[in-house]
Amino acid sequence: MSGTDAAIDAARLPGVHRVADIATERASRYLQQLAKHFQHKLPVTFDETTGSIAFDGGTCAMAADERALTLYVVAPDAAEADRLADVIERHLVRFAFRDEMDINWRAG
């Protein structure tokens, strides 16, 4: 599944959407780190270029290519979408401490 396919799938889910496109040459690495971290407690599916994390309050779909990691958060309301985006962002920043990450969430 390409990043475009993941966006289409996430866009079809009902709820409030948040999207972040993060420029990095290590997108696949960070996608896999996020997935492996959360799979210990949550339902997770992933490969080198796509992933999905099912949180109690929503879902995070992920897509990686050679230039960027794209994150798609879908939740029932804005507060939960913002909370999940914050959780994902805090973990990603920890994993990518050697890189300067510019993470800007927008409504999707």
PDB file of N, CA and C in Angstrom:
ATOM      1  N   MET A   1       0.861  -1.187   0.000  1.00  0.00           N
ATOM      2  CA  MET A   1       0.000   0.000   0.000  1.00  0.00           C
ATOM      3  C   MET A   1       0.893   1.232   0.000  1.00  0.00           C
ATOM      4  N   SER A   2       0.644   2.135  -0.876  1.00  0.00           N
ATOM      5  CA  SER A   2       1.420   3.371  -0.942  1.00  0.00           C
ATOM      6  C   SER A   2       0.907   4.367   0.090  1.00  0.00           C
ATOM      7  N   GLY A   3       1.651   5.456   0.281  1.00  0.00           N
ATOM      8  CA  GLY A   3       1.187   6.507   1.172  1.00  0.00           C
ATOM      9  C   GLY A   3      -0.147   7.071   0.730  1.00  0.00           C
ATOM     10  N   THR A   4      -0.346   7.150  -0.579  1.00  0.00           N
ATOM     11  CA  THR A   4      -1.622   7.642  -1.108  1.00  0.00           C
ATOM     12  C   THR A   4      -2.749   6.690  -0.743  1.00  0.00           C
ATOM     13  N   ASP A   5      -2.511   5.379  -0.878  1.00  0.00           N
ATOM     14  CA  ASP A   5      -3.529   4.393  -0.512  1.00  0.00           C
ATOM     15  C   ASP A   5      -3.859   4.465   0.974  1.00  0.00           C
ATOM     16  N   ALA A   6      -2.841   4.633   1.808  1.00  0.00           N
ATOM     17  CA  ALA A   6      -3.075   4.745   3.246  1.00  0.00           C
ATOM     18  C   ALA A   6      -3.902   5.983   3.554  1.00  0.00           C
ATOM     19  N   ALA A   7      -3.641   7.078   2.843  1.00  0.00           N
ATOM     20  CA  ALA A   7      -4.416   8.305   3.046  1.00  0.00           C
ATOM     21  C   ALA A   7      -5.869   8.088   2.663  1.00  0.00           C
ATOM     22  N   ILE A   8      -6.093   7.400   1.556  1.00  0.00           N
ATOM     23  CA  ILE A   8      -7.461   7.135   1.117  1.00  0.00           C
ATOM     24  C   ILE A   8      -8.172   6.254   2.131  1.00  0.00           C
ATOM     25  N   ASP A   9      -7.507   5.201   2.604  1.00  0.00           N
ATOM     26  CA  ASP A   9      -8.113   4.323   3.602  1.00  0.00           C
ATOM     27  C   ASP A   9      -8.430   5.080   4.885  1.00  0.00           C
ATOM     28  N   ALA A  10      -7.493   5.896   5.362  1.00  0.00           N
ATOM     29  CA  ALA A  10      -7.718   6.660   6.588  1.00  0.00           C
ATOM     30  C   ALA A  10      -8.826   7.684   6.388  1.00  0.00           C
ATOM     31  N   ALA A  11      -8.884   8.297   5.219  1.00  0.00           N
ATOM     32  CA  ALA A  11      -9.905   9.312   4.945  1.00  0.00           C
ATOM     33  C   ALA A  11     -11.310   8.723   4.946  1.00  0.00           C
ATOM     34  N   ARG A  12     -11.422   7.444   4.679  1.00  0.00           N
ATOM     35  CA  ARG A  12     -12.738   6.792   4.660  1.00  0.00           C
ATOM     36  C   ARG A  12     -13.275   6.507   6.056  1.00  0.00           C
ATOM     37  N   LEU A  13     -12.420   6.506   7.044  1.00  0.00           N
ATOM     38  CA  LEU A  13     -12.864   6.220   8.404  1.00  0.00           C
ATOM     39  C   LEU A  13     -13.648   7.403   8.955  1.00  0.00           C
ATOM     40  N   PRO A  14     -14.755   7.135   9.640  1.00  0.00           N
ATOM     41  CA  PRO A  14     -15.516   8.240  10.231  1.00  0.00           C
ATOM     42  C   PRO A  14     -14.780   8.812  11.432  1.00  0.00           C
ATOM     43  N   GLY A  15     -14.941  10.094  11.648  1.00  0.00           N
ATOM     44  CA  GLY A  15     -14.339  10.722  12.813  1.00  0.00           C
ATOM     45  C   GLY A  15     -13.553  11.964  12.451  1.00  0.00           C
ATOM     46  N   VAL A  16     -12.780  12.413  13.411  1.00  0.00           N
ATOM     47  CA  VAL A  16     -11.940  13.601  13.275  1.00  0.00           C
ATOM     48  C   VAL A  16     -10.545  13.142  12.862  1.00  0.00           C
ATOM     49  N   HIS A  17      -9.977  13.800  11.870  1.00  0.00           N
ATOM     50  CA  HIS A  17      -8.702  13.389  11.293  1.00  0.00           C
ATOM     51  C   HIS A  17      -7.608  14.413  11.583  1.00  0.00           C
ATOM     52  N   ARG A  18      -6.406  13.892  11.847  1.00  0.00           N
ATOM     53  CA  ARG A  18      -5.201  14.706  11.955  1.00  0.00           C
ATOM     54  C   ARG A  18      -4.151  14.051  11.069  1.00  0.00           C
ATOM     55  N   VAL A  19      -3.396  14.865  10.344  1.00  0.00           N
ATOM     56  CA  VAL A  19      -2.383  14.357   9.416  1.00  0.00           C
ATOM     57  C   VAL A  19      -1.085  15.121   9.641  1.00  0.00           C
ATOM     58  N   ALA A  20       0.032  14.396   9.617  1.00  0.00           N
ATOM     59  CA  ALA A  20       1.355  15.022   9.684  1.00  0.00           C
ATOM     60  C   ALA A  20       2.243  14.400   8.618  1.00  0.00           C
ATOM     61  N   ASP A  21       2.871  15.237   7.806  1.00  0.00           N
ATOM     62  CA  ASP A  21       3.872  14.804   6.826  1.00  0.00           C
ATOM     63  C   ASP A  21       5.228  15.234   7.369  1.00  0.00           C
ATOM     64  N   ILE A  22       6.090  14.270   7.652  1.00  0.00           N
ATOM     65  CA  ILE A  22       7.356  14.551   8.319  1.00  0.00           C
ATOM     66  C   ILE A  22       8.506  14.207   7.375  1.00  0.00           C
ATOM     67  N   ALA A  23       9.235  15.218   6.957  1.00  0.00           N
ATOM     68  CA  ALA A  23      10.365  14.998   6.053  1.00  0.00           C
ATOM     69  C   ALA A  23      11.483  14.276   6.800  1.00  0.00           C
ATOM     70  N   THR A  24      11.863  13.104   6.291  1.00  0.00           N
ATOM     71  CA  THR A  24      12.969  12.338   6.857  1.00  0.00           C
ATOM     72  C   THR A  24      13.386  11.256   5.875  1.00  0.00           C
ATOM     73  N   GLU A  25      14.678  11.005   5.814  1.00  0.00           N
ATOM     74  CA  GLU A  25      15.177   9.912   4.990  1.00  0.00           C
ATOM     75  C   GLU A  25      15.070   8.580   5.725  1.00  0.00           C
ATOM     76  N   ARG A  26      14.680   8.619   6.988  1.00  0.00           N
ATOM     77  CA  ARG A  26      14.563   7.407   7.811  1.00  0.00           C
ATOM     78  C   ARG A  26      13.105   7.045   8.096  1.00  0.00           C
ATOM     79  N   ALA A  27      12.221   7.360   7.185  1.00  0.00           N
ATOM     80  CA  ALA A  27      10.784   7.162   7.406  1.00  0.00           C
ATOM     81  C   ALA A  27      10.438   5.711   7.731  1.00  0.00           C
ATOM     82  N   SER A  28      10.964   4.777   6.975  1.00  0.00           N
ATOM     83  CA  SER A  28      10.658   3.365   7.213  1.00  0.00           C
ATOM     84  C   SER A  28      11.146   2.925   8.591  1.00  0.00           C
ATOM     85  N   ARG A  29      12.322   3.352   8.945  1.00  0.00           N
ATOM     86  CA  ARG A  29      12.876   3.002  10.260  1.00  0.00           C
ATOM     87  C   ARG A  29      11.961   3.490  11.377  1.00  0.00           C
ATOM     88  N   TYR A  30      11.517   4.739  11.299  1.00  0.00           N
ATOM     89  CA  TYR A  30      10.676   5.292  12.358  1.00  0.00           C
ATOM     90  C   TYR A  30       9.290   4.661  12.369  1.00  0.00           C
ATOM     91  N   LEU A  31       8.749   4.373  11.200  1.00  0.00           N
ATOM     92  CA  LEU A  31       7.460   3.673  11.131  1.00  0.00           C
ATOM     93  C   LEU A  31       7.568   2.336  11.867  1.00  0.00           C
ATOM     94  N   GLN A  32       8.618   1.588  11.578  1.00  0.00           N
ATOM     95  CA  GLN A  32       8.790   0.280  12.202  1.00  0.00           C
ATOM     96  C   GLN A  32       9.049   0.392  13.702  1.00  0.00           C
ATOM     97  N   GLN A  33       9.785   1.415  14.128  1.00  0.00           N
ATOM     98  CA  GLN A  33      10.015   1.610  15.560  1.00  0.00           C
ATOM     99  C   GLN A  33       8.708   1.903  16.282  1.00  0.00           C
ATOM    100  N   LEU A  34       7.897   2.791  15.726  1.00  0.00           N
ATOM    101  CA  LEU A  34       6.599   3.088  16.336  1.00  0.00           C
ATOM    102  C   LEU A  34       5.749   1.827  16.423  1.00  0.00           C
ATOM    103  N   ALA A  35       5.680   1.081  15.328  1.00  0.00           N
ATOM    104  CA  ALA A  35       4.860  -0.129  15.294  1.00  0.00           C
ATOM    105  C   ALA A  35       5.343  -1.159  16.314  1.00  0.00           C
ATOM    106  N   LYS A  36       6.630  -1.416  16.345  1.00  0.00           N
ATOM    107  CA  LYS A  36       7.172  -2.411  17.275  1.00  0.00           C
ATOM    108  C   LYS A  36       6.970  -1.992  18.725  1.00  0.00           C
ATOM    109  N   HIS A  37       7.096  -0.710  18.988  1.00  0.00           N
ATOM    110  CA  HIS A  37       6.889  -0.218  20.351  1.00  0.00           C
ATOM    111  C   HIS A  37       5.450  -0.450  20.808  1.00  0.00           C
ATOM    112  N   PHE A  38       4.493  -0.059  19.984  1.00  0.00           N
ATOM    113  CA  PHE A  38       3.091  -0.149  20.386  1.00  0.00           C
ATOM    114  C   PHE A  38       2.519  -1.560  20.288  1.00  0.00           C
ATOM    115  N   GLN A  39       3.148  -2.457  19.515  1.00  0.00           N
ATOM    116  CA  GLN A  39       2.583  -3.793  19.348  1.00  0.00           C
ATOM    117  C   GLN A  39       2.627  -4.616  20.633  1.00  0.00           C
ATOM    118  N   HIS A  40       3.378  -4.179  21.609  1.00  0.00           N
ATOM    119  CA  HIS A  40       3.416  -4.898  22.883  1.00  0.00           C
ATOM    120  C   HIS A  40       2.120  -4.734  23.670  1.00  0.00           C
ATOM    121  N   LYS A  41       1.358  -3.679  23.372  1.00  0.00           N
ATOM    122  CA  LYS A  41       0.133  -3.409  24.130  1.00  0.00           C
ATOM    123  C   LYS A  41      -1.111  -3.235  23.266  1.00  0.00           C
ATOM    124  N   LEU A  42      -0.934  -3.021  21.972  1.00  0.00           N
ATOM    125  CA  LEU A  42      -2.058  -2.682  21.097  1.00  0.00           C
ATOM    126  C   LEU A  42      -2.019  -3.515  19.817  1.00  0.00           C
ATOM    127  N   PRO A  43      -3.168  -3.667  19.148  1.00  0.00           N
ATOM    128  CA  PRO A  43      -3.166  -4.325  17.840  1.00  0.00           C
ATOM    129  C   PRO A  43      -2.435  -3.457  16.805  1.00  0.00           C
ATOM    130  N   VAL A  44      -1.435  -4.047  16.168  1.00  0.00           N
ATOM    131  CA  VAL A  44      -0.598  -3.319  15.209  1.00  0.00           C
ATOM    132  C   VAL A  44      -0.345  -4.212  13.994  1.00  0.00           C
ATOM    133  N   THR A  45      -0.400  -3.618  12.818  1.00  0.00           N
ATOM    134  CA  THR A  45       0.062  -4.289  11.605  1.00  0.00           C
ATOM    135  C   THR A  45       1.043  -3.349  10.919  1.00  0.00           C
ATOM    136  N   PHE A  46       2.095  -3.929  10.325  1.00  0.00           N
ATOM    137  CA  PHE A  46       3.053  -3.071   9.630  1.00  0.00           C
ATOM    138  C   PHE A  46       3.965  -3.887   8.737  1.00  0.00           C
ATOM    139  N   ASP A  47       4.545  -3.187   7.787  1.00  0.00           N
ATOM    140  CA  ASP A  47       5.654  -3.688   6.991  1.00  0.00           C
ATOM    141  C   ASP A  47       6.626  -2.519   6.846  1.00  0.00           C
ATOM    142  N   GLU A  48       7.485  -2.544   5.851  1.00  0.00           N
ATOM    143  CA  GLU A  48       8.493  -1.484   5.721  1.00  0.00           C
ATOM    144  C   GLU A  48       7.932  -0.139   5.293  1.00  0.00           C
ATOM    145  N   THR A  49       6.749  -0.129   4.668  1.00  0.00           N
ATOM    146  CA  THR A  49       6.235   1.137   4.133  1.00  0.00           C
ATOM    147  C   THR A  49       4.870   1.557   4.666  1.00  0.00           C
ATOM    148  N   THR A  50       4.155   0.680   5.324  1.00  0.00           N
ATOM    149  CA  THR A  50       2.840   1.041   5.862  1.00  0.00           C
ATOM    150  C   THR A  50       2.634   0.404   7.221  1.00  0.00           C
ATOM    151  N   GLY A  51       1.744   1.008   7.992  1.00  0.00           N
ATOM    152  CA  GLY A  51       1.418   0.436   9.287  1.00  0.00           C
ATOM    153  C   GLY A  51       0.137   1.015   9.832  1.00  0.00           C
ATOM    154  N   SER A  52      -0.393   0.336  10.831  1.00  0.00           N
ATOM    155  CA  SER A  52      -1.611   0.789  11.490  1.00  0.00           C
ATOM    156  C   SER A  52      -1.552   0.393  12.958  1.00  0.00           C
ATOM    157  N   ILE A  53      -1.901   1.338  13.819  1.00  0.00           N
ATOM    158  CA  ILE A  53      -1.958   1.098  15.261  1.00  0.00           C
ATOM    159  C   ILE A  53      -3.383   1.372  15.703  1.00  0.00           C
ATOM    160  N   ALA A  54      -4.015   0.388  16.338  1.00  0.00           N
ATOM    161  CA  ALA A  54      -5.394   0.535  16.816  1.00  0.00           C
ATOM    162  C   ALA A  54      -5.372   0.881  18.299  1.00  0.00           C
ATOM    163  N   PHE A  55      -5.563   2.145  18.598  1.00  0.00           N
ATOM    164  CA  PHE A  55      -5.657   2.607  19.980  1.00  0.00           C
ATOM    165  C   PHE A  55      -7.089   2.419  20.466  1.00  0.00           C
ATOM    166  N   ASP A  56      -7.294   2.461  21.777  1.00  0.00           N
ATOM    167  CA  ASP A  56      -8.652   2.376  22.319  1.00  0.00           C
ATOM    168  C   ASP A  56      -9.523   3.510  21.794  1.00  0.00           C
ATOM    169  N   GLY A  57      -8.932   4.691  21.608  1.00  0.00           N
ATOM    170  CA  GLY A  57      -9.709   5.854  21.203  1.00  0.00           C
ATOM    171  C   GLY A  57      -9.575   6.250  19.749  1.00  0.00           C
ATOM    172  N   GLY A  58      -8.975   5.414  18.922  1.00  0.00           N
ATOM    173  CA  GLY A  58      -8.817   5.772  17.520  1.00  0.00           C
ATOM    174  C   GLY A  58      -7.753   4.944  16.839  1.00  0.00           C
ATOM    175  N   THR A  59      -7.346   5.395  15.671  1.00  0.00           N
ATOM    176  CA  THR A  59      -6.389   4.656  14.843  1.00  0.00           C
ATOM    177  C   THR A  59      -5.320   5.603  14.315  1.00  0.00           C
ATOM    178  N   CYS A  60      -4.110   5.076  14.183  1.00  0.00           N
ATOM    179  CA  CYS A  60      -3.043   5.803  13.502  1.00  0.00           C
ATOM    180  C   CYS A  60      -2.571   4.955  12.331  1.00  0.00           C
ATOM    181  N   ALA A  61      -2.764   5.451  11.111  1.00  0.00           N
ATOM    182  CA  ALA A  61      -2.220   4.812   9.910  1.00  0.00           C
ATOM    183  C   ALA A  61      -0.918   5.524   9.570  1.00  0.00           C
ATOM    184  N   MET A  62       0.060   4.760   9.086  1.00  0.00           N
ATOM    185  CA  MET A  62       1.376   5.319   8.795  1.00  0.00           C
ATOM    186  C   MET A  62       1.816   4.895   7.401  1.00  0.00           C
ATOM    187  N   ALA A  63       2.491   5.788   6.706  1.00  0.00           N
ATOM    188  CA  ALA A  63       3.041   5.481   5.386  1.00  0.00           C
ATOM    189  C   ALA A  63       4.433   6.101   5.274  1.00  0.00           C
ATOM    190  N   ALA A  64       5.383   5.299   4.783  1.00  0.00           N
ATOM    191  CA  ALA A  64       6.759   5.766   4.635  1.00  0.00           C
ATOM    192  C   ALA A  64       7.193   5.649   3.182  1.00  0.00           C
ATOM    193  N   ASP A  65       7.922   6.653   2.732  1.00  0.00           N
ATOM    194  CA  ASP A  65       8.600   6.549   1.443  1.00  0.00           C
ATOM    195  C   ASP A  65      10.017   7.075   1.639  1.00  0.00           C
ATOM    196  N   GLU A  66      10.752   7.262   0.559  1.00  0.00           N
ATOM    197  CA  GLU A  66      12.156   7.664   0.689  1.00  0.00           C
ATOM    198  C   GLU A  66      12.336   9.101   1.174  1.00  0.00           C
ATOM    199  N   ARG A  67      11.270   9.880   1.206  1.00  0.00           N
ATOM    200  CA  ARG A  67      11.374  11.292   1.594  1.00  0.00           C
ATOM    201  C   ARG A  67      10.636  11.672   2.863  1.00  0.00           C
ATOM    202  N   ALA A  68       9.613  10.875   3.261  1.00  0.00           N
ATOM    203  CA  ALA A  68       8.772  11.333   4.372  1.00  0.00           C
ATOM    204  C   ALA A  68       8.041  10.187   5.055  1.00  0.00           C
ATOM    205  N   LEU A  69       7.688  10.455   6.294  1.00  0.00           N
ATOM    206  CA  LEU A  69       6.784   9.606   7.063  1.00  0.00           C
ATOM    207  C   LEU A  69       5.486  10.387   7.204  1.00  0.00           C
ATOM    208  N   THR A  70       4.388   9.779   6.796  1.00  0.00           N
ATOM    209  CA  THR A  70       3.087  10.422   6.917  1.00  0.00           C
ATOM    210  C   THR A  70       2.272   9.668   7.947  1.00  0.00           C
ATOM    211  N   LEU A  71       1.692  10.414   8.878  1.00  0.00           N
ATOM    212  CA  LEU A  71       0.874   9.849   9.950  1.00  0.00           C
ATOM    213  C   LEU A  71      -0.550  10.346   9.803  1.00  0.00           C
ATOM    214  N   TYR A  72      -1.511   9.433   9.929  1.00  0.00           N
ATOM    215  CA  TYR A  72      -2.936   9.755   9.816  1.00  0.00           C
ATOM    216  C   TYR A  72      -3.618   9.277  11.086  1.00  0.00           C
ATOM    217  N   VAL A  73      -4.091  10.190  11.898  1.00  0.00           N
ATOM    218  CA  VAL A  73      -4.812   9.835  13.123  1.00  0.00           C
ATOM    219  C   VAL A  73      -6.298  10.066  12.895  1.00  0.00           C
ATOM    220  N   VAL A  74      -7.109   9.089  13.279  1.00  0.00           N
ATOM    221  CA  VAL A  74      -8.563   9.201  13.194  1.00  0.00           C
ATOM    222  C   VAL A  74      -9.129   8.828  14.556  1.00  0.00           C
ATOM    223  N   ALA A  75      -9.984   9.700  15.095  1.00  0.00           N
ATOM    224  CA  ALA A  75     -10.595   9.478  16.407  1.00  0.00           C
ATOM    225  C   ALA A  75     -12.028  10.002  16.385  1.00  0.00           C
ATOM    226  N   PRO A  76     -12.842   9.623  17.386  1.00  0.00           N
ATOM    227  CA  PRO A  76     -14.245  10.035  17.379  1.00  0.00           C
ATOM    228  C   PRO A  76     -14.475  11.530  17.577  1.00  0.00           C
ATOM    229  N   ASP A  77     -13.526  12.224  18.225  1.00  0.00           N
ATOM    230  CA  ASP A  77     -13.705  13.660  18.450  1.00  0.00           C
ATOM    231  C   ASP A  77     -12.353  14.361  18.415  1.00  0.00           C
ATOM    232  N   ALA A  78     -12.391  15.687  18.368  1.00  0.00           N
ATOM    233  CA  ALA A  78     -11.167  16.480  18.227  1.00  0.00           C
ATOM    234  C   ALA A  78     -10.225  16.303  19.407  1.00  0.00           C
ATOM    235  N   ALA A  79     -10.762  16.239  20.612  1.00  0.00           N
ATOM    236  CA  ALA A  79      -9.909  16.091  21.792  1.00  0.00           C
ATOM    237  C   ALA A  79      -9.128  14.782  21.737  1.00  0.00           C
ATOM    238  N   GLU A  80      -9.792  13.702  21.355  1.00  0.00           N
ATOM    239  CA  GLU A  80      -9.116  12.405  21.277  1.00  0.00           C
ATOM    240  C   GLU A  80      -8.137  12.367  20.110  1.00  0.00           C
ATOM    241  N   ALA A  81      -8.482  12.973  18.989  1.00  0.00           N
ATOM    242  CA  ALA A  81      -7.560  13.038  17.852  1.00  0.00           C
ATOM    243  C   ALA A  81      -6.294  13.799  18.244  1.00  0.00           C
ATOM    244  N   ASP A  82      -6.453  14.902  18.952  1.00  0.00           N
ATOM    245  CA  ASP A  82      -5.300  15.682  19.400  1.00  0.00           C
ATOM    246  C   ASP A  82      -4.470  14.902  20.419  1.00  0.00           C
ATOM    247  N   ARG A  83      -5.130  14.175  21.319  1.00  0.00           N
ATOM    248  CA  ARG A  83      -4.420  13.376  22.330  1.00  0.00           C
ATOM    249  C   ARG A  83      -3.592  12.282  21.653  1.00  0.00           C
ATOM    250  N   LEU A  84      -4.198  11.564  20.705  1.00  0.00           N
ATOM    251  CA  LEU A  84      -3.468  10.501  20.013  1.00  0.00           C
ATOM    252  C   LEU A  84      -2.319  11.065  19.181  1.00  0.00           C
ATOM    253  N   ALA A  85      -2.542  12.185  18.519  1.00  0.00           N
ATOM    254  CA  ALA A  85      -1.468  12.829  17.756  1.00  0.00           C
ATOM    255  C   ALA A  85      -0.309  13.187  18.682  1.00  0.00           C
ATOM    256  N   ASP A  86      -0.621  13.672  19.876  1.00  0.00           N
ATOM    257  CA  ASP A  86       0.409  14.026  20.849  1.00  0.00           C
ATOM    258  C   ASP A  86       1.180  12.787  21.314  1.00  0.00           C
ATOM    259  N   VAL A  87       0.476  11.700  21.580  1.00  0.00           N
ATOM    260  CA  VAL A  87       1.127  10.453  22.006  1.00  0.00           C
ATOM    261  C   VAL A  87       2.094   9.973  20.924  1.00  0.00           C
ATOM    262  N   ILE A  88       1.625   9.922  19.690  1.00  0.00           N
ATOM    263  CA  ILE A  88       2.469   9.478  18.576  1.00  0.00           C
ATOM    264  C   ILE A  88       3.670  10.412  18.413  1.00  0.00           C
ATOM    265  N   GLU A  89       3.428  11.703  18.466  1.00  0.00           N
ATOM    266  CA  GLU A  89       4.510  12.675  18.291  1.00  0.00           C
ATOM    267  C   GLU A  89       5.571  12.533  19.375  1.00  0.00           C
ATOM    268  N   ARG A  90       5.149  12.414  20.634  1.00  0.00           N
ATOM    269  CA  ARG A  90       6.124  12.289  21.726  1.00  0.00           C
ATOM    270  C   ARG A  90       7.000  11.048  21.556  1.00  0.00           C
ATOM    271  N   HIS A  91       6.395   9.943  21.157  1.00  0.00           N
ATOM    272  CA  HIS A  91       7.176   8.726  20.938  1.00  0.00           C
ATOM    273  C   HIS A  91       8.128   8.893  19.755  1.00  0.00           C
ATOM    274  N   LEU A  92       7.652   9.458  18.675  1.00  0.00           N
ATOM    275  CA  LEU A  92       8.490   9.647  17.495  1.00  0.00           C
ATOM    276  C   LEU A  92       9.682  10.548  17.804  1.00  0.00           C
ATOM    277  N   VAL A  93       9.454  11.619  18.527  1.00  0.00           N
ATOM    278  CA  VAL A  93      10.545  12.536  18.891  1.00  0.00           C
ATOM    279  C   VAL A  93      11.597  11.805  19.728  1.00  0.00           C
ATOM    280  N   ARG A  94      11.152  10.932  20.624  1.00  0.00           N
ATOM    281  CA  ARG A  94      12.099  10.143  21.424  1.00  0.00           C
ATOM    282  C   ARG A  94      12.917   9.199  20.551  1.00  0.00           C
ATOM    283  N   PHE A  95      12.260   8.522  19.606  1.00  0.00           N
ATOM    284  CA  PHE A  95      12.972   7.589  18.735  1.00  0.00           C
ATOM    285  C   PHE A  95      13.932   8.318  17.800  1.00  0.00           C
ATOM    286  N   ALA A  96      13.598   9.520  17.418  1.00  0.00           N
ATOM    287  CA  ALA A  96      14.372  10.274  16.426  1.00  0.00           C
ATOM    288  C   ALA A  96      15.204  11.369  17.076  1.00  0.00           C
ATOM    289  N   PHE A  97      15.706  11.113  18.270  1.00  0.00           N
ATOM    290  CA  PHE A  97      16.403  12.165  19.016  1.00  0.00           C
ATOM    291  C   PHE A  97      17.634  12.695  18.288  1.00  0.00           C
ATOM    292  N   ARG A  98      18.200  11.922  17.383  1.00  0.00           N
ATOM    293  CA  ARG A  98      19.371  12.396  16.628  1.00  0.00           C
ATOM    294  C   ARG A  98      18.984  13.305  15.462  1.00  0.00           C
ATOM    295  N   ASP A  99      17.735  13.243  15.062  1.00  0.00           N
ATOM    296  CA  ASP A  99      17.251  14.045  13.940  1.00  0.00           C
ATOM    297  C   ASP A  99      16.405  15.195  14.459  1.00  0.00           C
ATOM    298  N   GLU A 100      16.448  16.281  13.726  1.00  0.00           N
ATOM    299  CA  GLU A 100      15.548  17.386  14.045  1.00  0.00           C
ATOM    300  C   GLU A 100      14.250  17.156  13.297  1.00  0.00           C
ATOM    301  N   MET A 101      13.190  16.877  14.041  1.00  0.00           N
ATOM    302  CA  MET A 101      11.891  16.586  13.430  1.00  0.00           C
ATOM    303  C   MET A 101      11.026  17.838  13.409  1.00  0.00           C
ATOM    304  N   ASP A 102      10.456  18.109  12.262  1.00  0.00           N
ATOM    305  CA  ASP A 102       9.481  19.189  12.138  1.00  0.00           C
ATOM    306  C   ASP A 102       8.124  18.518  11.950  1.00  0.00           C
ATOM    307  N   ILE A 103       7.358  18.424  13.044  1.00  0.00           N
ATOM    308  CA  ILE A 103       6.079  17.716  13.026  1.00  0.00           C
ATOM    309  C   ILE A 103       4.959  18.729  13.186  1.00  0.00           C
ATOM    310  N   ASN A 104       4.187  18.887  12.142  1.00  0.00           N
ATOM    311  CA  ASN A 104       3.058  19.818  12.159  1.00  0.00           C
ATOM    312  C   ASN A 104       1.797  19.062  11.776  1.00  0.00           C
ATOM    313  N   TRP A 105       0.871  18.970  12.713  1.00  0.00           N
ATOM    314  CA  TRP A 105      -0.396  18.281  12.475  1.00  0.00           C
ATOM    315  C   TRP A 105      -1.392  19.248  11.857  1.00  0.00           C
ATOM    316  N   ARG A 106      -2.208  18.738  10.961  1.00  0.00           N
ATOM    317  CA  ARG A 106      -3.278  19.531  10.353  1.00  0.00           C
ATOM    318  C   ARG A 106      -4.542  18.677  10.321  1.00  0.00           C
ATOM    319  N   ALA A 107      -5.660  19.337  10.196  1.00  0.00           N
ATOM    320  CA  ALA A 107      -6.914  18.600  10.034  1.00  0.00           C
ATOM    321  C   ALA A 107      -6.851  17.885   8.694  1.00  0.00           C
ATOM    322  N   GLY A 108      -7.324  16.647   8.670  1.00  0.00           N
ATOM    323  CA  GLY A 108      -7.209  15.855   7.444  1.00  0.00           C
ATOM    324  C   GLY A 108      -8.521  15.611   6.770  1.00  0.00           C
TER     325      GLY A 108
END
